[in-house]
N, C-alpha and C. Protein backbone atom coordinates (compact mmCIF):
# COMPACT_ATOMS: atom_id res chain seq x y z
N GLN A 1 -120.49 24.00 -3.37
CA GLN A 1 -119.78 23.61 -2.15
C GLN A 1 -118.30 23.96 -2.29
N VAL A 2 -117.81 24.80 -1.41
CA VAL A 2 -116.40 25.20 -1.43
C VAL A 2 -115.66 24.45 -0.33
N GLN A 3 -114.52 23.90 -0.68
CA GLN A 3 -113.70 23.19 0.31
C GLN A 3 -112.29 23.75 0.31
N LEU A 4 -111.74 23.89 1.49
CA LEU A 4 -110.36 24.35 1.66
C LEU A 4 -109.62 23.30 2.49
N VAL A 5 -108.44 22.95 2.03
CA VAL A 5 -107.65 21.94 2.72
C VAL A 5 -106.23 22.47 2.91
N GLU A 6 -105.85 22.68 4.18
CA GLU A 6 -104.51 23.15 4.49
C GLU A 6 -103.55 21.98 4.64
N SER A 7 -102.28 22.26 4.37
CA SER A 7 -101.23 21.28 4.57
C SER A 7 -99.91 22.00 4.78
N GLY A 8 -98.90 21.26 5.24
CA GLY A 8 -97.57 21.82 5.37
C GLY A 8 -97.14 22.16 6.78
N GLY A 9 -98.04 22.01 7.74
CA GLY A 9 -97.65 22.30 9.11
C GLY A 9 -96.67 21.28 9.64
N GLY A 10 -96.12 21.56 10.81
CA GLY A 10 -95.16 20.64 11.42
C GLY A 10 -94.47 21.28 12.59
N SER A 11 -93.40 20.63 13.04
CA SER A 11 -92.62 21.12 14.18
C SER A 11 -91.25 21.57 13.69
N VAL A 12 -90.87 22.76 14.09
CA VAL A 12 -89.56 23.29 13.71
C VAL A 12 -88.95 24.00 14.90
N GLN A 13 -87.65 24.23 14.83
CA GLN A 13 -86.99 25.01 15.86
C GLN A 13 -87.09 26.49 15.52
N ALA A 14 -86.95 27.30 16.53
CA ALA A 14 -86.97 28.75 16.34
C ALA A 14 -85.93 29.15 15.29
N GLY A 15 -86.33 30.06 14.42
CA GLY A 15 -85.46 30.48 13.33
C GLY A 15 -85.67 29.71 12.05
N GLY A 16 -86.43 28.62 12.14
CA GLY A 16 -86.67 27.79 10.98
C GLY A 16 -87.77 28.33 10.08
N SER A 17 -88.08 27.55 9.05
CA SER A 17 -89.08 27.97 8.05
C SER A 17 -90.06 26.84 7.77
N LEU A 18 -91.24 27.23 7.37
CA LEU A 18 -92.26 26.29 6.90
C LEU A 18 -93.03 26.95 5.78
N ARG A 19 -93.61 26.13 4.91
CA ARG A 19 -94.48 26.64 3.86
C ARG A 19 -95.82 25.92 3.95
N LEU A 20 -96.85 26.68 4.20
CA LEU A 20 -98.20 26.13 4.26
C LEU A 20 -98.88 26.28 2.91
N SER A 21 -99.75 25.34 2.60
CA SER A 21 -100.55 25.40 1.40
C SER A 21 -102.02 25.26 1.76
N CYS A 22 -102.87 25.85 0.93
CA CYS A 22 -104.31 25.73 1.11
C CYS A 22 -104.92 25.50 -0.28
N ALA A 23 -105.38 24.29 -0.50
CA ALA A 23 -105.98 23.93 -1.78
C ALA A 23 -107.48 24.19 -1.72
N VAL A 24 -107.98 24.89 -2.73
CA VAL A 24 -109.39 25.28 -2.76
C VAL A 24 -110.11 24.60 -3.91
N SER A 25 -111.27 24.08 -3.65
CA SER A 25 -112.09 23.46 -4.70
C SER A 25 -113.52 23.95 -4.56
N GLY A 26 -114.28 23.85 -5.67
CA GLY A 26 -115.67 24.28 -5.64
C GLY A 26 -115.89 25.52 -6.47
N ASN A 27 -117.07 26.05 -6.39
CA ASN A 27 -117.43 27.23 -7.15
C ASN A 27 -117.29 28.48 -6.29
N PHE A 28 -116.49 29.40 -6.75
CA PHE A 28 -116.30 30.63 -6.03
C PHE A 28 -115.83 31.70 -6.99
N TYR A 29 -115.95 32.95 -6.56
CA TYR A 29 -115.46 34.08 -7.33
C TYR A 29 -114.00 33.87 -7.70
N SER A 30 -113.63 34.18 -8.92
CA SER A 30 -112.32 33.81 -9.43
C SER A 30 -111.16 34.44 -8.70
N ARG A 31 -111.34 35.61 -8.12
CA ARG A 31 -110.24 36.25 -7.38
C ARG A 31 -110.72 36.71 -6.01
N PRO A 32 -111.17 35.76 -5.19
CA PRO A 32 -111.66 36.17 -3.88
C PRO A 32 -110.52 36.55 -2.96
N CYS A 33 -110.81 37.36 -1.98
CA CYS A 33 -109.83 37.57 -0.92
C CYS A 33 -109.67 36.25 -0.16
N MET A 34 -108.44 35.89 0.07
CA MET A 34 -108.14 34.71 0.87
C MET A 34 -107.14 35.10 1.93
N ALA A 35 -107.24 34.44 3.05
CA ALA A 35 -106.42 34.85 4.19
C ALA A 35 -105.96 33.67 5.00
N TRP A 36 -104.91 33.92 5.75
CA TRP A 36 -104.41 32.98 6.73
C TRP A 36 -104.72 33.52 8.12
N PHE A 37 -105.20 32.63 8.95
CA PHE A 37 -105.48 32.94 10.34
C PHE A 37 -104.76 31.91 11.21
N ARG A 38 -104.60 32.25 12.47
CA ARG A 38 -104.04 31.28 13.40
C ARG A 38 -104.74 31.42 14.74
N GLN A 39 -104.74 30.31 15.45
CA GLN A 39 -105.38 30.30 16.76
C GLN A 39 -104.55 29.44 17.71
N ALA A 40 -104.05 30.09 18.75
CA ALA A 40 -103.30 29.39 19.78
C ALA A 40 -104.27 28.97 20.88
N PRO A 41 -103.94 27.96 21.66
CA PRO A 41 -104.84 27.52 22.74
C PRO A 41 -105.20 28.66 23.67
N GLY A 42 -106.50 28.81 23.91
CA GLY A 42 -106.97 29.84 24.83
C GLY A 42 -107.02 31.23 24.25
N LYS A 43 -106.72 31.35 22.96
CA LYS A 43 -106.73 32.67 22.33
C LYS A 43 -107.72 32.71 21.18
N GLU A 44 -108.09 33.91 20.79
CA GLU A 44 -109.00 34.07 19.67
C GLU A 44 -108.25 33.86 18.34
N ARG A 45 -109.02 33.50 17.33
CA ARG A 45 -108.44 33.37 16.00
C ARG A 45 -108.06 34.74 15.49
N GLU A 46 -106.82 34.86 14.97
CA GLU A 46 -106.34 36.15 14.50
C GLU A 46 -105.91 36.06 13.05
N GLY A 47 -106.21 37.10 12.30
CA GLY A 47 -105.79 37.16 10.91
C GLY A 47 -104.34 37.58 10.83
N ILE A 48 -103.57 36.92 9.96
CA ILE A 48 -102.16 37.26 9.86
C ILE A 48 -101.75 37.67 8.44
N ALA A 49 -102.44 37.20 7.42
CA ALA A 49 -102.05 37.55 6.05
C ALA A 49 -103.24 37.36 5.12
N THR A 50 -103.40 38.32 4.22
CA THR A 50 -104.51 38.30 3.26
C THR A 50 -103.99 38.64 1.88
N ILE A 51 -104.60 38.03 0.88
CA ILE A 51 -104.31 38.41 -0.50
C ILE A 51 -105.63 38.58 -1.22
N CYS A 52 -105.75 39.69 -1.96
CA CYS A 52 -107.02 40.06 -2.60
C CYS A 52 -106.83 40.44 -4.05
N ASN A 53 -107.89 40.43 -4.78
CA ASN A 53 -108.10 40.96 -6.13
C ASN A 53 -107.11 40.44 -7.17
N ALA A 54 -107.31 40.91 -8.37
CA ALA A 54 -106.56 40.37 -9.51
C ALA A 54 -105.07 40.68 -9.44
N VAL A 55 -104.73 41.77 -8.78
CA VAL A 55 -103.30 42.12 -8.71
C VAL A 55 -102.62 41.53 -7.48
N GLY A 56 -103.40 40.90 -6.63
CA GLY A 56 -102.82 40.23 -5.47
C GLY A 56 -102.36 41.17 -4.38
N THR A 57 -103.17 42.13 -4.05
CA THR A 57 -102.85 43.03 -2.95
C THR A 57 -102.76 42.23 -1.65
N THR A 58 -101.72 42.48 -0.88
CA THR A 58 -101.53 41.73 0.36
C THR A 58 -101.60 42.62 1.58
N TYR A 59 -101.99 42.01 2.67
CA TYR A 59 -102.06 42.68 3.97
C TYR A 59 -101.45 41.73 5.00
N TYR A 60 -100.73 42.28 5.95
CA TYR A 60 -100.10 41.45 6.98
C TYR A 60 -100.31 42.05 8.36
N ALA A 61 -100.46 41.16 9.32
CA ALA A 61 -100.47 41.61 10.71
C ALA A 61 -99.06 42.02 11.10
N ASP A 62 -98.96 42.96 12.01
CA ASP A 62 -97.64 43.45 12.44
C ASP A 62 -96.77 42.31 12.99
N ALA A 63 -97.41 41.32 13.63
CA ALA A 63 -96.65 40.25 14.27
C ALA A 63 -95.88 39.40 13.26
N VAL A 64 -96.29 39.41 12.00
CA VAL A 64 -95.64 38.55 11.01
C VAL A 64 -95.03 39.33 9.86
N LYS A 65 -95.23 40.62 9.83
CA LYS A 65 -94.75 41.44 8.72
C LYS A 65 -93.23 41.32 8.62
N GLY A 66 -92.76 41.08 7.41
CA GLY A 66 -91.33 40.93 7.18
C GLY A 66 -90.83 39.51 7.35
N ARG A 67 -91.63 38.64 7.94
CA ARG A 67 -91.23 37.23 8.13
C ARG A 67 -92.09 36.27 7.31
N PHE A 68 -93.35 36.61 7.14
CA PHE A 68 -94.29 35.74 6.43
C PHE A 68 -94.67 36.38 5.09
N THR A 69 -94.89 35.54 4.09
CA THR A 69 -95.31 36.01 2.78
C THR A 69 -96.42 35.11 2.26
N THR A 70 -97.52 35.71 1.85
CA THR A 70 -98.60 34.93 1.26
C THR A 70 -98.63 35.13 -0.25
N SER A 71 -98.99 34.10 -0.95
CA SER A 71 -99.08 34.16 -2.40
C SER A 71 -100.12 33.15 -2.85
N ARG A 72 -100.44 33.19 -4.12
CA ARG A 72 -101.42 32.22 -4.62
C ARG A 72 -101.10 31.84 -6.05
N ASP A 73 -101.50 30.63 -6.40
CA ASP A 73 -101.39 30.14 -7.76
C ASP A 73 -102.82 29.93 -8.23
N THR A 74 -103.31 30.86 -9.04
CA THR A 74 -104.71 30.79 -9.44
C THR A 74 -104.99 29.61 -10.36
N ALA A 75 -103.99 29.18 -11.11
CA ALA A 75 -104.18 28.02 -11.98
C ALA A 75 -104.40 26.76 -11.17
N LYS A 76 -103.77 26.70 -10.00
CA LYS A 76 -103.90 25.53 -9.13
C LYS A 76 -104.91 25.75 -8.01
N ASN A 77 -105.51 26.94 -7.97
CA ASN A 77 -106.45 27.27 -6.88
C ASN A 77 -105.83 26.98 -5.52
N THR A 78 -104.61 27.45 -5.34
CA THR A 78 -103.88 27.17 -4.10
C THR A 78 -103.31 28.45 -3.53
N LEU A 79 -103.47 28.58 -2.21
CA LEU A 79 -102.93 29.70 -1.45
C LEU A 79 -101.73 29.19 -0.67
N TYR A 80 -100.71 30.03 -0.54
CA TYR A 80 -99.50 29.64 0.18
C TYR A 80 -99.18 30.64 1.28
N LEU A 81 -98.46 30.14 2.28
CA LEU A 81 -97.92 31.01 3.32
C LEU A 81 -96.50 30.56 3.59
N GLU A 82 -95.55 31.38 3.18
CA GLU A 82 -94.14 31.13 3.45
C GLU A 82 -93.80 31.77 4.78
N MET A 83 -93.33 30.96 5.72
CA MET A 83 -93.05 31.45 7.07
C MET A 83 -91.56 31.28 7.35
N ASN A 84 -90.89 32.38 7.59
CA ASN A 84 -89.46 32.38 7.90
C ASN A 84 -89.22 32.97 9.28
N SER A 85 -88.03 32.72 9.79
CA SER A 85 -87.64 33.24 11.12
C SER A 85 -88.72 32.96 12.15
N LEU A 86 -89.16 31.73 12.18
CA LEU A 86 -90.25 31.36 13.08
C LEU A 86 -89.84 31.51 14.54
N LYS A 87 -90.82 31.89 15.34
CA LYS A 87 -90.61 32.10 16.77
C LYS A 87 -91.56 31.17 17.55
N PRO A 88 -91.23 30.88 18.80
CA PRO A 88 -92.14 30.04 19.60
C PRO A 88 -93.55 30.61 19.68
N GLU A 89 -93.66 31.93 19.67
CA GLU A 89 -95.00 32.54 19.74
C GLU A 89 -95.80 32.38 18.45
N ASP A 90 -95.20 31.83 17.40
CA ASP A 90 -95.94 31.51 16.18
C ASP A 90 -96.66 30.17 16.30
N THR A 91 -96.42 29.45 17.37
CA THR A 91 -97.08 28.17 17.56
C THR A 91 -98.59 28.34 17.64
N ALA A 92 -99.30 27.63 16.78
CA ALA A 92 -100.76 27.75 16.70
C ALA A 92 -101.29 26.79 15.65
N MET A 93 -102.61 26.68 15.61
CA MET A 93 -103.27 26.02 14.49
C MET A 93 -103.49 27.10 13.43
N TYR A 94 -103.08 26.79 12.22
CA TYR A 94 -103.19 27.75 11.13
C TYR A 94 -104.33 27.34 10.19
N TYR A 95 -105.15 28.32 9.86
CA TYR A 95 -106.31 28.10 9.02
C TYR A 95 -106.28 29.02 7.80
N CYS A 96 -106.83 28.57 6.70
CA CYS A 96 -107.06 29.48 5.58
C CYS A 96 -108.55 29.76 5.48
N GLY A 97 -108.86 30.95 5.05
CA GLY A 97 -110.24 31.38 4.90
C GLY A 97 -110.46 32.00 3.54
N LEU A 98 -111.67 31.89 3.04
CA LEU A 98 -112.03 32.45 1.74
C LEU A 98 -113.25 33.36 1.89
N SER A 99 -113.13 34.51 1.28
CA SER A 99 -114.22 35.49 1.35
C SER A 99 -115.03 35.47 0.05
N THR A 100 -116.19 36.06 0.08
CA THR A 100 -116.95 36.25 -1.16
C THR A 100 -116.61 37.60 -1.79
N TRP A 101 -115.75 38.36 -1.17
CA TRP A 101 -115.34 39.66 -1.68
C TRP A 101 -114.01 39.56 -2.42
N GLY A 102 -113.91 40.34 -3.48
CA GLY A 102 -112.68 40.37 -4.24
C GLY A 102 -111.71 41.44 -3.78
N SER A 103 -112.18 42.34 -2.97
CA SER A 103 -111.32 43.37 -2.41
C SER A 103 -111.88 43.78 -1.06
N MET A 104 -111.03 44.36 -0.25
CA MET A 104 -111.44 44.81 1.08
C MET A 104 -110.66 46.03 1.48
N ALA A 105 -111.25 46.79 2.38
CA ALA A 105 -110.51 47.87 3.00
C ALA A 105 -109.43 47.26 3.89
N THR A 106 -108.34 47.99 4.04
CA THR A 106 -107.24 47.48 4.85
C THR A 106 -107.70 47.09 6.24
N SER A 107 -108.57 47.87 6.82
CA SER A 107 -109.03 47.62 8.19
C SER A 107 -109.87 46.36 8.30
N GLN A 108 -110.36 45.84 7.19
CA GLN A 108 -111.23 44.66 7.21
C GLN A 108 -110.54 43.39 6.73
N ALA A 109 -109.40 43.51 6.13
CA ALA A 109 -108.78 42.38 5.43
C ALA A 109 -108.40 41.23 6.35
N LEU A 110 -108.16 41.51 7.61
CA LEU A 110 -107.72 40.46 8.54
C LEU A 110 -108.80 40.13 9.58
N SER A 111 -110.03 40.52 9.27
CA SER A 111 -111.13 40.27 10.21
C SER A 111 -111.79 38.93 9.93
N VAL A 112 -111.92 38.12 10.96
CA VAL A 112 -112.51 36.80 10.83
C VAL A 112 -113.90 36.86 10.20
N ARG A 113 -114.68 37.86 10.55
CA ARG A 113 -116.08 37.92 10.13
C ARG A 113 -116.25 38.09 8.62
N ASN A 114 -115.18 38.44 7.91
CA ASN A 114 -115.29 38.65 6.48
C ASN A 114 -114.99 37.39 5.66
N TYR A 115 -114.76 36.27 6.33
CA TYR A 115 -114.43 35.02 5.65
C TYR A 115 -115.47 33.97 6.03
N ILE A 116 -116.04 33.35 5.01
CA ILE A 116 -117.15 32.43 5.30
C ILE A 116 -116.80 30.97 5.05
N TYR A 117 -115.72 30.70 4.34
CA TYR A 117 -115.30 29.31 4.13
C TYR A 117 -113.96 29.11 4.82
N TRP A 118 -113.83 27.97 5.46
CA TRP A 118 -112.64 27.68 6.27
C TRP A 118 -112.14 26.27 6.04
N GLY A 119 -110.83 26.11 6.17
CA GLY A 119 -110.25 24.78 6.16
C GLY A 119 -110.26 24.19 7.56
N GLN A 120 -109.72 22.99 7.68
CA GLN A 120 -109.73 22.30 8.97
C GLN A 120 -108.53 22.66 9.83
N GLY A 121 -107.55 23.31 9.24
CA GLY A 121 -106.39 23.76 9.99
C GLY A 121 -105.20 22.82 9.89
N THR A 122 -104.03 23.37 10.10
CA THR A 122 -102.79 22.59 10.15
C THR A 122 -101.94 23.16 11.29
N GLN A 123 -101.38 22.27 12.10
CA GLN A 123 -100.68 22.68 13.31
C GLN A 123 -99.24 23.08 13.00
N VAL A 124 -98.84 24.20 13.57
CA VAL A 124 -97.45 24.65 13.50
C VAL A 124 -96.93 24.78 14.93
N THR A 125 -95.83 24.11 15.21
CA THR A 125 -95.22 24.15 16.53
C THR A 125 -93.77 24.57 16.39
N VAL A 126 -93.40 25.64 17.10
CA VAL A 126 -92.04 26.17 17.04
C VAL A 126 -91.42 26.04 18.42
N SER A 127 -90.33 25.32 18.50
CA SER A 127 -89.67 25.12 19.79
C SER A 127 -88.46 26.04 19.90
N SER A 128 -88.16 26.41 21.15
CA SER A 128 -87.04 27.34 21.39
C SER A 128 -85.73 26.59 21.55
């Protein structure tokens, strides 16, 4: 049984920063691809950042590239998302996902269908 628990969400003003965490427990491949997704009301869940394999290859959606950084602490089984220069359009529920794959093609890294374990989400609200 794999469990993911996100934390760190909150309300900030535009231009502010937040750091999300995703704690993972259970039995899983030691270096799975893990990703951050977000879903705004009335919109589909979108992938925004992924980290894969032993060297930590990362992938980012264009909407967050240069502002968000994902990282992981394998000793703590925790995934992080550092979010800077936040904008009102970043407002959404943020989820972490875990894949059974240790690597992915760039075109697949941010696809919802490649992640089978999910957390419950943490809300991020950015006001203008």
